[in-house]
Amino acid sequence: MHIIINENDALFYSGLTHLLNDIFCHQGYTPCYSREINKSTVETADIIIQSLRPGEAFLCYPALYYRKPSLMIGLVDDNDRADHYPLPLCANDRIIISRKAGTENIRRTLKQAWAKLQTDAEKARKPHCYGCKHRTMTSQQKRVAASFIEGCSVRHIAGKLALNSKSVFAHKHSLMRKFQLKNDHQLMMFLQIQRVKQSIIKHVGE
């Protein structure tokens, strides 16, 4: 059994592996683990566990296109849910679990979801991108976001982009609503994620 745990917290990662070993070794499986979500790991993964920061559930992850029928878990820091569709088609079956959930709740959720996957695996469709309506930023939102991540003030951004301050605030709040970001801290975390992703995509393309 191949399990991806895309999680940077070493203690939480260790706890998850112990829990998964306890669940699946009793069922006759031998779990093996990896951390990276990429084409080669996703192609063989039976379970994909991904740590999701605010807004990240709505982003496109091209590697997930190569998923076989698998159990996909998203870990969130609180009880927020990505309830407002659309989500990326490659991940719209993702089950959200709060990090604050008790061990027994997580165990029960994993066991039930795995049992359901075994029943429905033959019906599962291969993920595809056609018609996917994953959330993206408009060109103007990208320009405003790029300036925010550089530490520019609203007044500076307005002058640089030939906008008035109200328009800059409007683009900012529209972006936050689109990705369900609650405050400026979550916005900056989200923009950092976007910048890292774009850097990786650019590097791969070179």
C-alpha atoms as a PDB file:
ATOM      1  CA  MET A   1       0.000   0.000   0.000  1.00  0.00           C
ATOM      2  CA  HIS A   2       1.476   3.335  -1.115  1.00  0.00           C
ATOM      3  CA  ILE A   3       0.558   6.351   1.027  1.00  0.00           C
ATOM      4  CA  ILE A   4       1.571   9.958   0.352  1.00  0.00           C
ATOM      5  CA  ILE A   5       1.644  12.238   3.400  1.00  0.00           C
ATOM      6  CA  ASN A   6       2.380  15.770   2.223  1.00  0.00           C
ATOM      7  CA  GLU A   7       2.994  17.230   5.689  1.00  0.00           C
ATOM      8  CA  ASN A   8       5.882  19.314   7.023  1.00  0.00           C
ATOM      9  CA  ASP A   9       5.199  18.946  10.748  1.00  0.00           C
ATOM     10  CA  ALA A  10       7.445  16.026  11.773  1.00  0.00           C
ATOM     11  CA  LEU A  11       5.475  15.218  14.919  1.00  0.00           C
ATOM     12  CA  PHE A  12       2.116  15.215  13.135  1.00  0.00           C
ATOM     13  CA  TYR A  13       3.625  13.163  10.290  1.00  0.00           C
ATOM     14  CA  SER A  14       4.919  10.583  12.774  1.00  0.00           C
ATOM     15  CA  GLY A  15       1.547  10.388  14.488  1.00  0.00           C
ATOM     16  CA  LEU A  16      -0.215   9.831  11.161  1.00  0.00           C
ATOM     17  CA  THR A  17       2.136   7.013  10.141  1.00  0.00           C
ATOM     18  CA  HIS A  18       1.594   5.245  13.471  1.00  0.00           C
ATOM     19  CA  LEU A  19      -2.170   5.602  13.123  1.00  0.00           C
ATOM     20  CA  LEU A  20      -2.181   4.386   9.510  1.00  0.00           C
ATOM     21  CA  ASN A  21       0.069   1.440  10.372  1.00  0.00           C
ATOM     22  CA  ASP A  22      -2.305   0.491  13.184  1.00  0.00           C
ATOM     23  CA  ILE A  23      -5.322   0.683  10.869  1.00  0.00           C
ATOM     24  CA  PHE A  24      -3.986  -1.043   7.785  1.00  0.00           C
ATOM     25  CA  CYS A  25      -1.474  -3.558   9.105  1.00  0.00           C
ATOM     26  CA  HIS A  26      -4.386  -5.230  10.887  1.00  0.00           C
ATOM     27  CA  GLN A  27      -6.070  -5.516   7.483  1.00  0.00           C
ATOM     28  CA  GLY A  28      -3.076  -7.292   5.960  1.00  0.00           C
ATOM     29  CA  TYR A  29      -1.554  -4.276   4.154  1.00  0.00           C
ATOM     30  CA  THR A  30       2.068  -3.154   4.348  1.00  0.00           C
ATOM     31  CA  PRO A  31       2.092   0.658   4.104  1.00  0.00           C
ATOM     32  CA  CYS A  32       5.013   2.434   2.478  1.00  0.00           C
ATOM     33  CA  TYR A  33       5.246   6.196   2.615  1.00  0.00           C
ATOM     34  CA  SER A  34       6.381   9.141   0.529  1.00  0.00           C
ATOM     35  CA  ARG A  35       6.020  12.885   1.049  1.00  0.00           C
ATOM     36  CA  GLU A  36       6.012  14.428  -2.437  1.00  0.00           C
ATOM     37  CA  ILE A  37       2.957  14.898  -4.643  1.00  0.00           C
ATOM     38  CA  ASN A  38       4.156  14.435  -8.216  1.00  0.00           C
ATOM     39  CA  LYS A  39       3.260  12.344 -11.257  1.00  0.00           C
ATOM     40  CA  SER A  40       5.286   9.280 -10.304  1.00  0.00           C
ATOM     41  CA  THR A  41       4.078   9.095  -6.690  1.00  0.00           C
ATOM     42  CA  VAL A  42       0.442   9.915  -7.484  1.00  0.00           C
ATOM     43  CA  GLU A  43       0.215   7.204 -10.154  1.00  0.00           C
ATOM     44  CA  THR A  44       0.718   4.473  -7.546  1.00  0.00           C
ATOM     45  CA  ALA A  45      -0.799   6.115  -4.437  1.00  0.00           C
ATOM     46  CA  ASP A  46      -3.644   4.368  -2.643  1.00  0.00           C
ATOM     47  CA  ILE A  47      -4.029   7.202  -0.137  1.00  0.00           C
ATOM     48  CA  ILE A  48      -3.025  10.857  -0.547  1.00  0.00           C
ATOM     49  CA  ILE A  49      -2.956  13.002   2.585  1.00  0.00           C
ATOM     50  CA  GLN A  50      -2.293  16.683   1.923  1.00  0.00           C
ATOM     51  CA  SER A  51      -1.842  19.495   4.402  1.00  0.00           C
ATOM     52  CA  LEU A  52      -4.033  22.351   3.188  1.00  0.00           C
ATOM     53  CA  ARG A  53      -3.428  25.933   4.192  1.00  0.00           C
ATOM     54  CA  PRO A  54      -6.225  28.519   3.790  1.00  0.00           C
ATOM     55  CA  GLY A  55      -7.370  28.764   0.153  1.00  0.00           C
ATOM     56  CA  GLU A  56      -5.217  25.860  -1.008  1.00  0.00           C
ATOM     57  CA  ALA A  57      -8.134  23.450  -1.469  1.00  0.00           C
ATOM     58  CA  PHE A  58      -9.275  25.500  -4.475  1.00  0.00           C
ATOM     59  CA  LEU A  59      -5.958  25.419  -6.346  1.00  0.00           C
ATOM     60  CA  CYS A  60      -5.114  23.258  -9.343  1.00  0.00           C
ATOM     61  CA  TYR A  61      -2.523  20.527  -8.745  1.00  0.00           C
ATOM     62  CA  PRO A  62      -1.660  19.137 -12.194  1.00  0.00           C
ATOM     63  CA  ALA A  63      -0.037  15.998 -10.739  1.00  0.00           C
ATOM     64  CA  LEU A  64      -3.423  14.869  -9.396  1.00  0.00           C
ATOM     65  CA  TYR A  65      -4.548  14.298 -12.980  1.00  0.00           C
ATOM     66  CA  TYR A  66      -2.582  11.035 -12.808  1.00  0.00           C
ATOM     67  CA  ARG A  67      -4.442   9.679  -9.784  1.00  0.00           C
ATOM     68  CA  LYS A  68      -5.785   6.189  -9.863  1.00  0.00           C
ATOM     69  CA  PRO A  69      -8.920   5.640  -7.729  1.00  0.00           C
ATOM     70  CA  SER A  70      -7.507   6.591  -4.354  1.00  0.00           C
ATOM     71  CA  LEU A  71      -8.489   7.969  -0.981  1.00  0.00           C
ATOM     72  CA  MET A  72      -7.715  11.679  -0.750  1.00  0.00           C
ATOM     73  CA  ILE A  73      -7.585  13.468   2.590  1.00  0.00           C
ATOM     74  CA  GLY A  74      -7.115  17.192   3.187  1.00  0.00           C
ATOM     75  CA  LEU A  75      -5.828  18.311   6.590  1.00  0.00           C
ATOM     76  CA  VAL A  76      -6.917  21.746   7.796  1.00  0.00           C
ATOM     77  CA  ASP A  77      -5.911  23.677  10.904  1.00  0.00           C
ATOM     78  CA  ASP A  78      -9.434  24.330  12.114  1.00  0.00           C
ATOM     79  CA  ASN A  79     -12.979  23.304  11.329  1.00  0.00           C
ATOM     80  CA  ASP A  80     -13.203  25.285   8.102  1.00  0.00           C
ATOM     81  CA  ARG A  81     -14.559  23.414   5.120  1.00  0.00           C
ATOM     82  CA  ALA A  82     -14.169  24.083   1.431  1.00  0.00           C
ATOM     83  CA  ASP A  83     -17.923  23.978   1.067  1.00  0.00           C
ATOM     84  CA  HIS A  84     -18.359  26.413  -1.787  1.00  0.00           C
ATOM     85  CA  TYR A  85     -17.874  24.865  -5.182  1.00  0.00           C
ATOM     86  CA  PRO A  86     -16.359  24.598  -7.684  1.00  0.00           C
ATOM     87  CA  LEU A  87     -13.335  22.640  -6.543  1.00  0.00           C
ATOM     88  CA  PRO A  88     -10.765  21.224  -8.969  1.00  0.00           C
ATOM     89  CA  LEU A  89     -12.200  18.122 -10.619  1.00  0.00           C
ATOM     90  CA  CYS A  90      -9.062  16.158  -9.726  1.00  0.00           C
ATOM     91  CA  ALA A  91      -9.768  16.688  -6.022  1.00  0.00           C
ATOM     92  CA  ASN A  92     -13.520  17.118  -5.652  1.00  0.00           C
ATOM     93  CA  ASP A  93     -13.718  13.822  -3.736  1.00  0.00           C
ATOM     94  CA  ARG A  94     -11.254  15.063  -1.134  1.00  0.00           C
ATOM     95  CA  ILE A  95     -12.318  14.429   2.468  1.00  0.00           C
ATOM     96  CA  ILE A  96     -11.506  17.267   4.859  1.00  0.00           C
ATOM     97  CA  ILE A  97     -10.241  16.420   8.354  1.00  0.00           C
ATOM     98  CA  SER A  98      -9.421  18.963  11.041  1.00  0.00           C
ATOM     99  CA  ARG A  99      -6.078  18.625  12.798  1.00  0.00           C
ATOM    100  CA  LYS A 100      -8.003  19.246  16.017  1.00  0.00           C
ATOM    101  CA  ALA A 101     -10.142  16.139  15.531  1.00  0.00           C
ATOM    102  CA  GLY A 102      -9.486  13.390  18.064  1.00  0.00           C
ATOM    103  CA  THR A 103      -7.498  10.314  17.099  1.00  0.00           C
ATOM    104  CA  GLU A 104     -10.569   8.084  17.245  1.00  0.00           C
ATOM    105  CA  ASN A 105     -12.537  10.436  14.988  1.00  0.00           C
ATOM    106  CA  ILE A 106      -9.711  10.441  12.450  1.00  0.00           C
ATOM    107  CA  ARG A 107      -9.413   6.658  12.688  1.00  0.00           C
ATOM    108  CA  ARG A 108     -13.149   6.184  12.130  1.00  0.00           C
ATOM    109  CA  THR A 109     -13.199   8.601   9.183  1.00  0.00           C
ATOM    110  CA  LEU A 110     -10.228   6.906   7.502  1.00  0.00           C
ATOM    111  CA  LYS A 111     -11.616   3.404   7.951  1.00  0.00           C
ATOM    112  CA  GLN A 112     -15.055   4.344   6.658  1.00  0.00           C
ATOM    113  CA  ALA A 113     -13.641   6.226   3.667  1.00  0.00           C
ATOM    114  CA  TRP A 114     -11.282   3.371   2.792  1.00  0.00           C
ATOM    115  CA  ALA A 115     -14.093   0.814   2.987  1.00  0.00           C
ATOM    116  CA  LYS A 116     -16.260   2.987   0.740  1.00  0.00           C
ATOM    117  CA  LEU A 117     -13.427   3.346  -1.771  1.00  0.00           C
ATOM    118  CA  GLN A 118     -13.076  -0.434  -1.992  1.00  0.00           C
ATOM    119  CA  THR A 119     -16.790  -0.690  -2.763  1.00  0.00           C
ATOM    120  CA  ASP A 120     -16.856   2.154  -5.298  1.00  0.00           C
ATOM    121  CA  ALA A 121     -13.398   1.821  -6.894  1.00  0.00           C
ATOM    122  CA  GLU A 122     -14.693   0.247 -10.090  1.00  0.00           C
ATOM    123  CA  LYS A 123     -17.173   3.101 -10.524  1.00  0.00           C
ATOM    124  CA  ALA A 124     -14.563   5.806  -9.971  1.00  0.00           C
ATOM    125  CA  ARG A 125     -13.647   7.871 -12.995  1.00  0.00           C
ATOM    126  CA  LYS A 126     -10.187   8.971 -13.891  1.00  0.00           C
ATOM    127  CA  PRO A 127      -9.728  12.652 -13.007  1.00  0.00           C
ATOM    128  CA  HIS A 128      -9.755  14.992 -15.974  1.00  0.00           C
ATOM    129  CA  CYS A 129      -9.248  18.665 -16.657  1.00  0.00           C
ATOM    130  CA  TYR A 130     -11.875  19.316 -19.314  1.00  0.00           C
ATOM    131  CA  GLY A 131     -14.418  21.774 -17.995  1.00  0.00           C
ATOM    132  CA  CYS A 132     -12.619  22.139 -14.657  1.00  0.00           C
ATOM    133  CA  LYS A 133     -13.588  25.390 -12.952  1.00  0.00           C
ATOM    134  CA  HIS A 134     -10.884  25.564 -10.324  1.00  0.00           C
ATOM    135  CA  ARG A 135     -10.496  29.062  -8.961  1.00  0.00           C
ATOM    136  CA  THR A 136      -7.964  31.391 -10.474  1.00  0.00           C
ATOM    137  CA  MET A 137      -6.961  35.008 -10.065  1.00  0.00           C
ATOM    138  CA  THR A 138      -7.801  37.572 -12.707  1.00  0.00           C
ATOM    139  CA  SER A 139      -4.937  39.446 -14.367  1.00  0.00           C
ATOM    140  CA  GLN A 140      -5.584  42.506 -12.213  1.00  0.00           C
ATOM    141  CA  GLN A 141      -5.806  40.405  -9.048  1.00  0.00           C
ATOM    142  CA  LYS A 142      -2.457  38.844  -9.932  1.00  0.00           C
ATOM    143  CA  ARG A 143      -0.874  42.268 -10.300  1.00  0.00           C
ATOM    144  CA  VAL A 144      -2.330  43.473  -7.011  1.00  0.00           C
ATOM    145  CA  ALA A 145      -1.292  40.224  -5.279  1.00  0.00           C
ATOM    146  CA  ALA A 146       2.259  40.462  -6.635  1.00  0.00           C
ATOM    147  CA  SER A 147       2.537  43.929  -5.143  1.00  0.00           C
ATOM    148  CA  PHE A 148       1.159  42.832  -1.785  1.00  0.00           C
ATOM    149  CA  ILE A 149       3.661  39.987  -1.566  1.00  0.00           C
ATOM    150  CA  GLU A 150       6.432  42.512  -2.215  1.00  0.00           C
ATOM    151  CA  GLY A 151       5.256  44.431   0.840  1.00  0.00           C
ATOM    152  CA  CYS A 152       3.734  47.394  -1.009  1.00  0.00           C
ATOM    153  CA  SER A 153       1.077  49.508   0.680  1.00  0.00           C
ATOM    154  CA  VAL A 154      -2.370  50.045  -0.814  1.00  0.00           C
ATOM    155  CA  ARG A 155      -1.427  53.618  -1.730  1.00  0.00           C
ATOM    156  CA  HIS A 156       1.779  52.464  -3.439  1.00  0.00           C
ATOM    157  CA  ILE A 157      -0.062  49.725  -5.360  1.00  0.00           C
ATOM    158  CA  ALA A 158      -2.712  52.212  -6.475  1.00  0.00           C
ATOM    159  CA  GLY A 159      -0.057  54.555  -7.847  1.00  0.00           C
ATOM    160  CA  LYS A 160       1.921  51.771  -9.516  1.00  0.00           C
ATOM    161  CA  LEU A 161      -1.116  50.253 -11.247  1.00  0.00           C
ATOM    162  CA  ALA A 162      -2.876  53.536 -11.981  1.00  0.00           C
ATOM    163  CA  LEU A 163      -5.834  52.615  -9.770  1.00  0.00           C
ATOM    164  CA  ASN A 164      -7.515  54.379  -6.912  1.00  0.00           C
ATOM    165  CA  SER A 165      -7.189  52.937  -3.393  1.00  0.00           C
ATOM    166  CA  LYS A 166     -10.819  51.764  -3.332  1.00  0.00           C
ATOM    167  CA  SER A 167     -10.183  49.629  -6.430  1.00  0.00           C
ATOM    168  CA  VAL A 168      -7.130  48.044  -4.803  1.00  0.00           C
ATOM    169  CA  PHE A 169      -9.188  47.215  -1.697  1.00  0.00           C
ATOM    170  CA  ALA A 170     -11.960  45.817  -3.923  1.00  0.00           C
ATOM    171  CA  HIS A 171      -9.535  43.487  -5.733  1.00  0.00           C
ATOM    172  CA  LYS A 172      -8.064  42.389  -2.420  1.00  0.00           C
ATOM    173  CA  HIS A 173     -11.445  41.574  -0.851  1.00  0.00           C
ATOM    174  CA  SER A 174     -12.659  39.851  -4.019  1.00  0.00           C
ATOM    175  CA  LEU A 175      -9.574  37.639  -3.928  1.00  0.00           C
ATOM    176  CA  MET A 176     -10.127  36.848  -0.251  1.00  0.00           C
ATOM    177  CA  ARG A 177     -13.788  35.949  -0.828  1.00  0.00           C
ATOM    178  CA  LYS A 178     -12.929  33.752  -3.801  1.00  0.00           C
ATOM    179  CA  PHE A 179     -10.482  31.638  -1.782  1.00  0.00           C
ATOM    180  CA  GLN A 180     -12.283  31.925   1.581  1.00  0.00           C
ATOM    181  CA  LEU A 181      -9.435  33.795   3.290  1.00  0.00           C
ATOM    182  CA  LYS A 182     -10.405  35.344   6.599  1.00  0.00           C
ATOM    183  CA  ASN A 183      -7.677  37.880   7.257  1.00  0.00           C
ATOM    184  CA  ASP A 184      -4.471  39.454   5.969  1.00  0.00           C
ATOM    185  CA  HIS A 185      -2.326  36.716   7.520  1.00  0.00           C
ATOM    186  CA  GLN A 186      -4.171  34.005   5.585  1.00  0.00           C
ATOM    187  CA  LEU A 187      -3.952  36.134   2.444  1.00  0.00           C
ATOM    188  CA  MET A 188      -0.171  36.431   2.723  1.00  0.00           C
ATOM    189  CA  MET A 189       0.198  32.693   3.387  1.00  0.00           C
ATOM    190  CA  PHE A 190      -1.922  31.949   0.330  1.00  0.00           C
ATOM    191  CA  LEU A 191       0.094  34.300  -1.882  1.00  0.00           C
ATOM    192  CA  GLN A 192       3.303  32.668  -0.691  1.00  0.00           C
ATOM    193  CA  ILE A 193       1.893  29.278  -1.739  1.00  0.00           C
ATOM    194  CA  GLN A 194       1.030  30.666  -5.157  1.00  0.00           C
ATOM    195  CA  ARG A 195       4.485  32.152  -5.613  1.00  0.00           C
ATOM    196  CA  VAL A 196       6.208  28.885  -4.691  1.00  0.00           C
ATOM    197  CA  LYS A 197       3.948  26.907  -7.036  1.00  0.00           C
ATOM    198  CA  GLN A 198       4.634  29.232  -9.941  1.00  0.00           C
ATOM    199  CA  SER A 199       8.355  29.040  -9.261  1.00  0.00           C
ATOM    200  CA  ILE A 200       8.245  25.247  -9.336  1.00  0.00           C
ATOM    201  CA  ILE A 201       6.206  25.189 -12.566  1.00  0.00           C
ATOM    202  CA  LYS A 202       8.613  27.638 -14.202  1.00  0.00           C
ATOM    203  CA  HIS A 203      11.626  25.579 -13.085  1.00  0.00           C
ATOM    204  CA  VAL A 204      10.121  22.342 -14.428  1.00  0.00           C
ATOM    205  CA  GLY A 205       9.400  24.026 -17.773  1.00  0.00           C
ATOM    206  CA  GLU A 206      12.981  25.221 -18.258  1.00  0.00           C
END
